[in-house]
Amino acid sequence: ELLKYADDGRITLTLGTSEYGTDRKLAFVLACTD
């Protein structure tokens, strides 16, 4: 479902990594890994 949302342009998806940045322009960060 997330892949489809990305294909449809509803979300941005960075796949295959756990690397991320914290940008002050972010409103919220959600940590949802296992």
PDB file of all heavy atoms in Angstrom:
ATOM      1  N   GLU A   1       0.832  -1.206   0.000  1.00  0.00           N
ATOM      2  CA  GLU A   1       0.000   0.000   0.000  1.00  0.00           C
ATOM      3  C   GLU A   1       0.869   1.260   0.000  1.00  0.00           C
ATOM      4  O   GLU A   1       0.554   2.242  -0.665  1.00  0.00           O
ATOM      5  CB  GLU A   1      -0.936   0.028   1.213  1.00  0.00           C
ATOM      6  CG  GLU A   1      -1.967  -1.092   1.214  1.00  0.00           C
ATOM      7  CD  GLU A   1      -1.520  -2.305   2.036  1.00  0.00           C
ATOM      8  OE1 GLU A   1      -0.303  -2.631   2.062  1.00  0.00           O
ATOM      9  OE2 GLU A   1      -2.394  -2.935   2.650  1.00  0.00           O
ATOM     10  N   LEU A   2       1.975   1.231   0.745  1.00  0.00           N
ATOM     11  CA  LEU A   2       2.875   2.388   0.771  1.00  0.00           C
ATOM     12  C   LEU A   2       3.553   2.574  -0.574  1.00  0.00           C
ATOM     13  O   LEU A   2       3.724   3.708  -1.043  1.00  0.00           O
ATOM     14  CB  LEU A   2       3.916   2.230   1.881  1.00  0.00           C
ATOM     15  CG  LEU A   2       3.371   2.275   3.309  1.00  0.00           C
ATOM     16  CD1 LEU A   2       4.462   1.933   4.315  1.00  0.00           C
ATOM     17  CD2 LEU A   2       2.758   3.630   3.612  1.00  0.00           C
ATOM     18  N   LEU A   3       3.928   1.468  -1.212  1.00  0.00           N
ATOM     19  CA  LEU A   3       4.526   1.550  -2.553  1.00  0.00           C
ATOM     20  C   LEU A   3       3.537   2.178  -3.531  1.00  0.00           C
ATOM     21  O   LEU A   3       3.910   3.023  -4.351  1.00  0.00           O
ATOM     22  CB  LEU A   3       4.950   0.164  -3.040  1.00  0.00           C
ATOM     23  CG  LEU A   3       6.052  -0.523  -2.237  1.00  0.00           C
ATOM     24  CD1 LEU A   3       6.220  -1.972  -2.684  1.00  0.00           C
ATOM     25  CD2 LEU A   3       7.359   0.230  -2.361  1.00  0.00           C
ATOM     26  N   LYS A   4       2.265   1.795  -3.424  1.00  0.00           N
ATOM     27  CA  LYS A   4       1.237   2.365  -4.309  1.00  0.00           C
ATOM     28  C   LYS A   4       1.050   3.856  -4.037  1.00  0.00           C
ATOM     29  O   LYS A   4       0.955   4.647  -4.972  1.00  0.00           O
ATOM     30  CB  LYS A   4      -0.085   1.619  -4.138  1.00  0.00           C
ATOM     31  CG  LYS A   4      -1.184   2.157  -5.057  1.00  0.00           C
ATOM     32  CD  LYS A   4      -2.374   1.262  -5.104  1.00  0.00           C
ATOM     33  CE  LYS A   4      -3.514   1.769  -5.939  1.00  0.00           C
ATOM     34  NZ  LYS A   4      -3.343   2.907  -6.768  1.00  0.00           N
ATOM     35  N   TYR A   5       1.014   4.236  -2.763  1.00  0.00           N
ATOM     36  CA  TYR A   5       0.892   5.658  -2.431  1.00  0.00           C
ATOM     37  C   TYR A   5       2.045   6.459  -3.036  1.00  0.00           C
ATOM     38  O   TYR A   5       1.848   7.565  -3.531  1.00  0.00           O
ATOM     39  CB  TYR A   5       0.872   5.878  -0.922  1.00  0.00           C
ATOM     40  CG  TYR A   5      -0.403   5.445  -0.218  1.00  0.00           C
ATOM     41  CD1 TYR A   5      -0.383   5.174   1.145  1.00  0.00           C
ATOM     42  CD2 TYR A   5      -1.618   5.316  -0.877  1.00  0.00           C
ATOM     43  CE1 TYR A   5      -1.533   4.793   1.821  1.00  0.00           C
ATOM     44  CE2 TYR A   5      -2.763   4.928  -0.218  1.00  0.00           C
ATOM     45  CZ  TYR A   5      -2.721   4.676   1.132  1.00  0.00           C
ATOM     46  OH  TYR A   5      -3.853   4.302   1.806  1.00  0.00           O
ATOM     47  N   ALA A   6       3.239   5.890  -2.989  1.00  0.00           N
ATOM     48  CA  ALA A   6       4.405   6.569  -3.567  1.00  0.00           C
ATOM     49  C   ALA A   6       4.263   6.661  -5.083  1.00  0.00           C
ATOM     50  O   ALA A   6       4.514   7.720  -5.673  1.00  0.00           O
ATOM     51  CB  ALA A   6       5.689   5.846  -3.184  1.00  0.00           C
ATOM     52  N   ASP A   7       3.855   5.570  -5.718  1.00  0.00           N
ATOM     53  CA  ASP A   7       3.655   5.571  -7.175  1.00  0.00           C
ATOM     54  C   ASP A   7       2.600   6.589  -7.595  1.00  0.00           C
ATOM     55  O   ASP A   7       2.717   7.216  -8.646  1.00  0.00           O
ATOM     56  CB  ASP A   7       3.236   4.182  -7.672  1.00  0.00           C
ATOM     57  CG  ASP A   7       4.377   3.182  -7.669  1.00  0.00           C
ATOM     58  OD1 ASP A   7       5.556   3.602  -7.567  1.00  0.00           O
ATOM     59  OD2 ASP A   7       4.090   1.966  -7.750  1.00  0.00           O
ATOM     60  N   ASP A   8       1.572   6.750  -6.757  1.00  0.00           N
ATOM     61  CA  ASP A   8       0.488   7.697  -7.042  1.00  0.00           C
ATOM     62  C   ASP A   8       0.852   9.136  -6.668  1.00  0.00           C
ATOM     63  O   ASP A   8       0.052  10.044  -6.867  1.00  0.00           O
ATOM     64  CB  ASP A   8      -0.784   7.304  -6.285  1.00  0.00           C
ATOM     65  CG  ASP A   8      -1.387   5.995  -6.777  1.00  0.00           C
ATOM     66  OD1 ASP A   8      -1.003   5.517  -7.864  1.00  0.00           O
ATOM     67  OD2 ASP A   8      -2.245   5.433  -6.058  1.00  0.00           O
ATOM     68  N   GLY A   9       2.038   9.335  -6.068  1.00  0.00           N
ATOM     69  CA  GLY A   9       2.465  10.675  -5.674  1.00  0.00           C
ATOM     70  C   GLY A   9       1.818  11.183  -4.396  1.00  0.00           C
ATOM     71  O   GLY A   9       1.890  12.370  -4.088  1.00  0.00           O
ATOM     72  N   ARG A  10       1.197  10.300  -3.628  1.00  0.00           N
ATOM     73  CA  ARG A  10       0.535  10.721  -2.389  1.00  0.00           C
ATOM     74  C   ARG A  10       1.514  10.862  -1.231  1.00  0.00           C
ATOM     75  O   ARG A  10       1.252  11.605  -0.285  1.00  0.00           O
ATOM     76  CB  ARG A  10      -0.584   9.741  -2.038  1.00  0.00           C
ATOM     77  CG  ARG A  10      -1.673   9.737  -3.121  1.00  0.00           C
ATOM     78  CD  ARG A  10      -2.816   8.846  -2.771  1.00  0.00           C
ATOM     79  NE  ARG A  10      -3.572   9.432  -1.655  1.00  0.00           N
ATOM     80  CZ  ARG A  10      -4.459   8.748  -0.959  1.00  0.00           C
ATOM     81  NH1 ARG A  10      -4.710   7.495  -1.234  1.00  0.00           N
ATOM     82  NH2 ARG A  10      -5.109   9.331   0.030  1.00  0.00           N
ATOM     83  N   ILE A  11       2.629  10.121  -1.291  1.00  0.00           N
ATOM     84  CA  ILE A  11       3.688  10.233  -0.285  1.00  0.00           C
ATOM     85  C   ILE A  11       5.027  10.195  -1.011  1.00  0.00           C
ATOM     86  O   ILE A  11       5.107   9.794  -2.171  1.00  0.00           O
ATOM     87  CB  ILE A  11       3.657   9.095   0.769  1.00  0.00           C
ATOM     88  CG1 ILE A  11       3.975   7.739   0.122  1.00  0.00           C
ATOM     89  CG2 ILE A  11       2.330   9.068   1.516  1.00  0.00           C
ATOM     90  CD1 ILE A  11       4.198   6.607   1.117  1.00  0.00           C
ATOM     91  N   THR A  12       6.062  10.607  -0.302  1.00  0.00           N
ATOM     92  CA  THR A  12       7.429  10.421  -0.784  1.00  0.00           C
ATOM     93  C   THR A  12       7.980   9.223  -0.027  1.00  0.00           C
ATOM     94  O   THR A  12       7.788   9.114   1.190  1.00  0.00           O
ATOM     95  CB  THR A  12       8.288  11.669  -0.479  1.00  0.00           C
ATOM     96  OG1 THR A  12       7.658  12.804  -1.075  1.00  0.00           O
ATOM     97  CG2 THR A  12       9.684  11.516  -1.028  1.00  0.00           C
ATOM     98  N   LEU A  13       8.651   8.324  -0.739  1.00  0.00           N
ATOM     99  CA  LEU A  13       9.155   7.098  -0.124  1.00  0.00           C
ATOM    100  C   LEU A  13      10.625   6.926  -0.443  1.00  0.00           C
ATOM    101  O   LEU A  13      11.024   6.968  -1.605  1.00  0.00           O
ATOM    102  CB  LEU A  13       8.356   5.893  -0.643  1.00  0.00           C
ATOM    103  CG  LEU A  13       8.762   4.510  -0.153  1.00  0.00           C
ATOM    104  CD1 LEU A  13       8.526   4.363   1.345  1.00  0.00           C
ATOM    105  CD2 LEU A  13       7.976   3.448  -0.914  1.00  0.00           C
ATOM    106  N   THR A  14      11.436   6.760   0.596  1.00  0.00           N
ATOM    107  CA  THR A  14      12.843   6.395   0.432  1.00  0.00           C
ATOM    108  C   THR A  14      12.952   4.957   0.910  1.00  0.00           C
ATOM    109  O   THR A  14      12.767   4.675   2.103  1.00  0.00           O
ATOM    110  CB  THR A  14      13.766   7.314   1.253  1.00  0.00           C
ATOM    111  OG1 THR A  14      13.559   8.667   0.829  1.00  0.00           O
ATOM    112  CG2 THR A  14      15.224   6.941   1.050  1.00  0.00           C
ATOM    113  N   LEU A  15      13.215   4.061  -0.013  1.00  0.00           N
ATOM    114  CA  LEU A  15      13.175   2.622   0.245  1.00  0.00           C
ATOM    115  C   LEU A  15      14.572   2.036   0.297  1.00  0.00           C
ATOM    116  O   LEU A  15      15.459   2.457  -0.440  1.00  0.00           O
ATOM    117  CB  LEU A  15      12.355   1.958  -0.872  1.00  0.00           C
ATOM    118  CG  LEU A  15      11.946   0.519  -0.714  1.00  0.00           C
ATOM    119  CD1 LEU A  15      11.127   0.300   0.544  1.00  0.00           C
ATOM    120  CD2 LEU A  15      11.132   0.088  -1.931  1.00  0.00           C
ATOM    121  N   GLY A  16      14.759   1.068   1.181  1.00  0.00           N
ATOM    122  CA  GLY A  16      16.014   0.324   1.225  1.00  0.00           C
ATOM    123  C   GLY A  16      17.062   0.920   2.135  1.00  0.00           C
ATOM    124  O   GLY A  16      18.231   0.542   2.075  1.00  0.00           O
ATOM    125  N   THR A  17      16.667   1.845   2.998  1.00  0.00           N
ATOM    126  CA  THR A  17      17.627   2.476   3.904  1.00  0.00           C
ATOM    127  C   THR A  17      16.933   2.870   5.199  1.00  0.00           C
ATOM    128  O   THR A  17      15.710   2.996   5.244  1.00  0.00           O
ATOM    129  CB  THR A  17      18.274   3.721   3.267  1.00  0.00           C
ATOM    130  OG1 THR A  17      19.271   4.236   4.153  1.00  0.00           O
ATOM    131  CG2 THR A  17      17.253   4.798   2.973  1.00  0.00           C
ATOM    132  N   SER A  18      17.720   3.057   6.231  1.00  0.00           N
ATOM    133  CA  SER A  18      17.190   3.617   7.472  1.00  0.00           C
ATOM    134  C   SER A  18      17.830   4.976   7.741  1.00  0.00           C
ATOM    135  O   SER A  18      17.691   5.547   8.810  1.00  0.00           O
ATOM    136  CB  SER A  18      17.451   2.665   8.645  1.00  0.00           C
ATOM    137  OG  SER A  18      18.834   2.454   8.804  1.00  0.00           O
ATOM    138  N   GLU A  19      18.538   5.498   6.734  1.00  0.00           N
ATOM    139  CA  GLU A  19      19.181   6.813   6.850  1.00  0.00           C
ATOM    140  C   GLU A  19      18.138   7.905   6.653  1.00  0.00           C
ATOM    141  O   GLU A  19      17.318   7.842   5.743  1.00  0.00           O
ATOM    142  CB  GLU A  19      20.278   6.959   5.798  1.00  0.00           C
ATOM    143  CG  GLU A  19      21.450   6.014   5.999  1.00  0.00           C
ATOM    144  CD  GLU A  19      22.184   6.256   7.312  1.00  0.00           C
ATOM    145  OE1 GLU A  19      22.450   7.429   7.643  1.00  0.00           O
ATOM    146  OE2 GLU A  19      22.464   5.270   8.010  1.00  0.00           O
ATOM    147  N   TYR A  20      18.178   8.897   7.517  1.00  0.00           N
ATOM    148  CA  TYR A  20      17.205   9.979   7.443  1.00  0.00           C
ATOM    149  C   TYR A  20      17.838  11.240   8.018  1.00  0.00           C
ATOM    150  O   TYR A  20      18.858  11.189   8.685  1.00  0.00           O
ATOM    151  CB  TYR A  20      15.950   9.628   8.249  1.00  0.00           C
ATOM    152  CG  TYR A  20      16.236   9.504   9.730  1.00  0.00           C
ATOM    153  CD1 TYR A  20      15.987  10.559  10.593  1.00  0.00           C
ATOM    154  CD2 TYR A  20      16.791   8.339  10.252  1.00  0.00           C
ATOM    155  CE1 TYR A  20      16.279  10.460  11.938  1.00  0.00           C
ATOM    156  CE2 TYR A  20      17.080   8.229  11.602  1.00  0.00           C
ATOM    157  CZ  TYR A  20      16.813   9.288  12.439  1.00  0.00           C
ATOM    158  OH  TYR A  20      17.105   9.196  13.771  1.00  0.00           O
ATOM    159  N   GLY A  21      17.221  12.360   7.745  1.00  0.00           N
ATOM    160  CA  GLY A  21      17.681  13.628   8.303  1.00  0.00           C
ATOM    161  C   GLY A  21      16.566  14.245   9.124  1.00  0.00           C
ATOM    162  O   GLY A  21      15.397  13.967   8.888  1.00  0.00           O
ATOM    163  N   THR A  22      16.915  15.046  10.095  1.00  0.00           N
ATOM    164  CA  THR A  22      15.897  15.784  10.843  1.00  0.00           C
ATOM    165  C   THR A  22      16.038  17.246  10.464  1.00  0.00           C
ATOM    166  O   THR A  22      17.007  17.896  10.791  1.00  0.00           O
ATOM    167  CB  THR A  22      16.040  15.600  12.369  1.00  0.00           C
ATOM    168  OG1 THR A  22      17.386  15.819  12.736  1.00  0.00           O
ATOM    169  CG2 THR A  22      15.599  14.219  12.793  1.00  0.00           C
ATOM    170  N   ASP A  23      15.073  17.699   9.742  1.00  0.00           N
ATOM    171  CA  ASP A  23      15.024  19.039   9.186  1.00  0.00           C
ATOM    172  C   ASP A  23      14.102  19.872  10.075  1.00  0.00           C
ATOM    173  O   ASP A  23      13.014  19.433  10.416  1.00  0.00           O
ATOM    174  CB  ASP A  23      14.464  18.894   7.765  1.00  0.00           C
ATOM    175  CG  ASP A  23      14.226  20.183   7.061  1.00  0.00           C
ATOM    176  OD1 ASP A  23      14.087  21.227   7.704  1.00  0.00           O
ATOM    177  OD2 ASP A  23      14.160  20.143   5.830  1.00  0.00           O
ATOM    178  N   ARG A  24      14.513  21.046  10.431  1.00  0.00           N
ATOM    179  CA  ARG A  24      13.678  21.888  11.302  1.00  0.00           C
ATOM    180  C   ARG A  24      12.331  22.224  10.656  1.00  0.00           C
ATOM    181  O   ARG A  24      11.422  22.664  11.336  1.00  0.00           O
ATOM    182  CB  ARG A  24      14.417  23.166  11.678  1.00  0.00           C
ATOM    183  CG  ARG A  24      15.477  22.913  12.701  1.00  0.00           C
ATOM    184  CD  ARG A  24      15.844  24.203  13.413  1.00  0.00           C
ATOM    185  NE  ARG A  24      16.827  23.942  14.442  1.00  0.00           N
ATOM    186  CZ  ARG A  24      16.525  23.621  15.687  1.00  0.00           C
ATOM    187  NH1 ARG A  24      15.288  23.514  16.055  1.00  0.00           N
ATOM    188  NH2 ARG A  24      17.476  23.403  16.573  1.00  0.00           N
ATOM    189  N   LYS A  25      12.184  21.996   9.379  1.00  0.00           N
ATOM    190  CA  LYS A  25      10.910  22.263   8.724  1.00  0.00           C
ATOM    191  C   LYS A  25       9.904  21.137   8.958  1.00  0.00           C
ATOM    192  O   LYS A  25       8.758  21.248   8.576  1.00  0.00           O
ATOM    193  CB  LYS A  25      11.121  22.471   7.220  1.00  0.00           C
ATOM    194  CG  LYS A  25      11.905  23.734   6.923  1.00  0.00           C
ATOM    195  CD  LYS A  25      12.133  23.883   5.450  1.00  0.00           C
ATOM    196  CE  LYS A  25      13.030  25.095   5.207  1.00  0.00           C
ATOM    197  NZ  LYS A  25      13.635  25.082   3.910  1.00  0.00           N
ATOM    198  N   LEU A  26      10.336  20.055   9.601  1.00  0.00           N
ATOM    199  CA  LEU A  26       9.427  18.958   9.913  1.00  0.00           C
ATOM    200  C   LEU A  26       8.498  19.358  11.051  1.00  0.00           C
ATOM    201  O   LEU A  26       8.926  19.928  12.045  1.00  0.00           O
ATOM    202  CB  LEU A  26      10.207  17.705  10.329  1.00  0.00           C
ATOM    203  CG  LEU A  26      10.977  16.977   9.242  1.00  0.00           C
ATOM    204  CD1 LEU A  26      11.898  15.926   9.855  1.00  0.00           C
ATOM    205  CD2 LEU A  26      10.017  16.333   8.255  1.00  0.00           C
ATOM    206  N   ALA A  27       7.222  19.021  10.897  1.00  0.00           N
ATOM    207  CA  ALA A  27       6.261  19.277  11.968  1.00  0.00           C
ATOM    208  C   ALA A  27       6.316  18.157  13.007  1.00  0.00           C
ATOM    209  O   ALA A  27       6.226  18.422  14.206  1.00  0.00           O
ATOM    210  CB  ALA A  27       4.854  19.392  11.393  1.00  0.00           C
ATOM    211  N   PHE A  28       6.478  16.915  12.539  1.00  0.00           N
ATOM    212  CA  PHE A  28       6.482  15.751  13.421  1.00  0.00           C
ATOM    213  C   PHE A  28       7.381  14.662  12.856  1.00  0.00           C
ATOM    214  O   PHE A  28       7.550  14.561  11.637  1.00  0.00           O
ATOM    215  CB  PHE A  28       5.069  15.165  13.567  1.00  0.00           C
ATOM    216  CG  PHE A  28       4.078  16.107  14.154  1.00  0.00           C
ATOM    217  CD1 PHE A  28       3.151  16.757  13.358  1.00  0.00           C
ATOM    218  CD2 PHE A  28       4.048  16.342  15.522  1.00  0.00           C
ATOM    219  CE1 PHE A  28       2.228  17.632  13.896  1.00  0.00           C
ATOM    220  CE2 PHE A  28       3.127  17.217  16.070  1.00  0.00           C
ATOM    221  CZ  PHE A  28       2.215  17.867  15.262  1.00  0.00           C
ATOM    222  N   VAL A  29       7.902  13.833  13.761  1.00  0.00           N
ATOM    223  CA  VAL A  29       8.649  12.626  13.386  1.00  0.00           C
ATOM    224  C   VAL A  29       7.991  11.446  14.081  1.00  0.00           C
ATOM    225  O   VAL A  29       7.705  11.500  15.284  1.00  0.00           O
ATOM    226  CB  VAL A  29      10.137  12.731  13.802  1.00  0.00           C
ATOM    227  CG1 VAL A  29      10.851  11.404  13.587  1.00  0.00           C
ATOM    228  CG2 VAL A  29      10.837  13.839  13.012  1.00  0.00           C
ATOM    229  N   LEU A  30       7.753  10.378  13.311  1.00  0.00           N
ATOM    230  CA  LEU A  30       7.141   9.169  13.854  1.00  0.00           C
ATOM    231  C   LEU A  30       8.094   8.000  13.654  1.00  0.00           C
ATOM    232  O   LEU A  30       8.502   7.715  12.523  1.00  0.00           O
ATOM    233  CB  LEU A  30       5.832   8.858  13.134  1.00  0.00           C
ATOM    234  CG  LEU A  30       4.634   9.729  13.456  1.00  0.00           C
ATOM    235  CD1 LEU A  30       4.814  11.141  12.958  1.00  0.00           C
ATOM    236  CD2 LEU A  30       3.392   9.126  12.873  1.00  0.00           C
ATOM    237  N   ALA A  31       8.463   7.337  14.738  1.00  0.00           N
ATOM    238  CA  ALA A  31       9.342   6.173  14.693  1.00  0.00           C
ATOM    239  C   ALA A  31       8.467   4.931  14.796  1.00  0.00           C
ATOM    240  O   ALA A  31       7.952   4.619  15.866  1.00  0.00           O
ATOM    241  CB  ALA A  31      10.347   6.231  15.830  1.00  0.00           C
ATOM    242  N   CYS A  32       8.302   4.236  13.669  1.00  0.00           N
ATOM    243  CA  CYS A  32       7.374   3.098  13.589  1.00  0.00           C
ATOM    244  C   CYS A  32       8.064   1.814  13.131  1.00  0.00           C
ATOM    245  O   CYS A  32       7.446   0.985  12.467  1.00  0.00           O
ATOM    246  CB  CYS A  32       6.237   3.424  12.624  1.00  0.00           C
ATOM    247  SG  CYS A  32       5.291   4.886  13.029  1.00  0.00           S
ATOM    248  N   THR A  33       9.327   1.650  13.450  1.00  0.00           N
ATOM    249  CA  THR A  33      10.019   0.430  13.037  1.00  0.00           C
ATOM    250  C   THR A  33       9.793  -0.665  14.076  1.00  0.00           C
ATOM    251  O   THR A  33       9.228  -0.418  15.146  1.00  0.00           O
ATOM    252  CB  THR A  33      11.542   0.660  12.875  1.00  0.00           C
ATOM    253  OG1 THR A  33      12.149   0.754  14.168  1.00  0.00           O
ATOM    254  CG2 THR A  33      11.833   1.916  12.059  1.00  0.00           C
ATOM    255  N   ASP A  34      10.280  -1.865  13.783  1.00  0.00           N
ATOM    256  CA  ASP A  34      10.181  -2.956  14.754  1.00  0.00           C
ATOM    257  C   ASP A  34      11.429  -3.044  15.638  1.00  0.00           C
ATOM    258  O   ASP A  34      11.638  -4.021  16.335  1.00  0.00           O
ATOM    259  CB  ASP A  34       9.915  -4.288  14.052  1.00  0.00           C
ATOM    260  CG  ASP A  34      10.971  -4.649  13.028  1.00  0.00           C
ATOM    261  OD1 ASP A  34      11.979  -3.911  12.900  1.00  0.00           O
ATOM    262  OD2 ASP A  34      10.801  -5.670  12.343  1.00  0.00           O
TER     263      ASP A  34
END
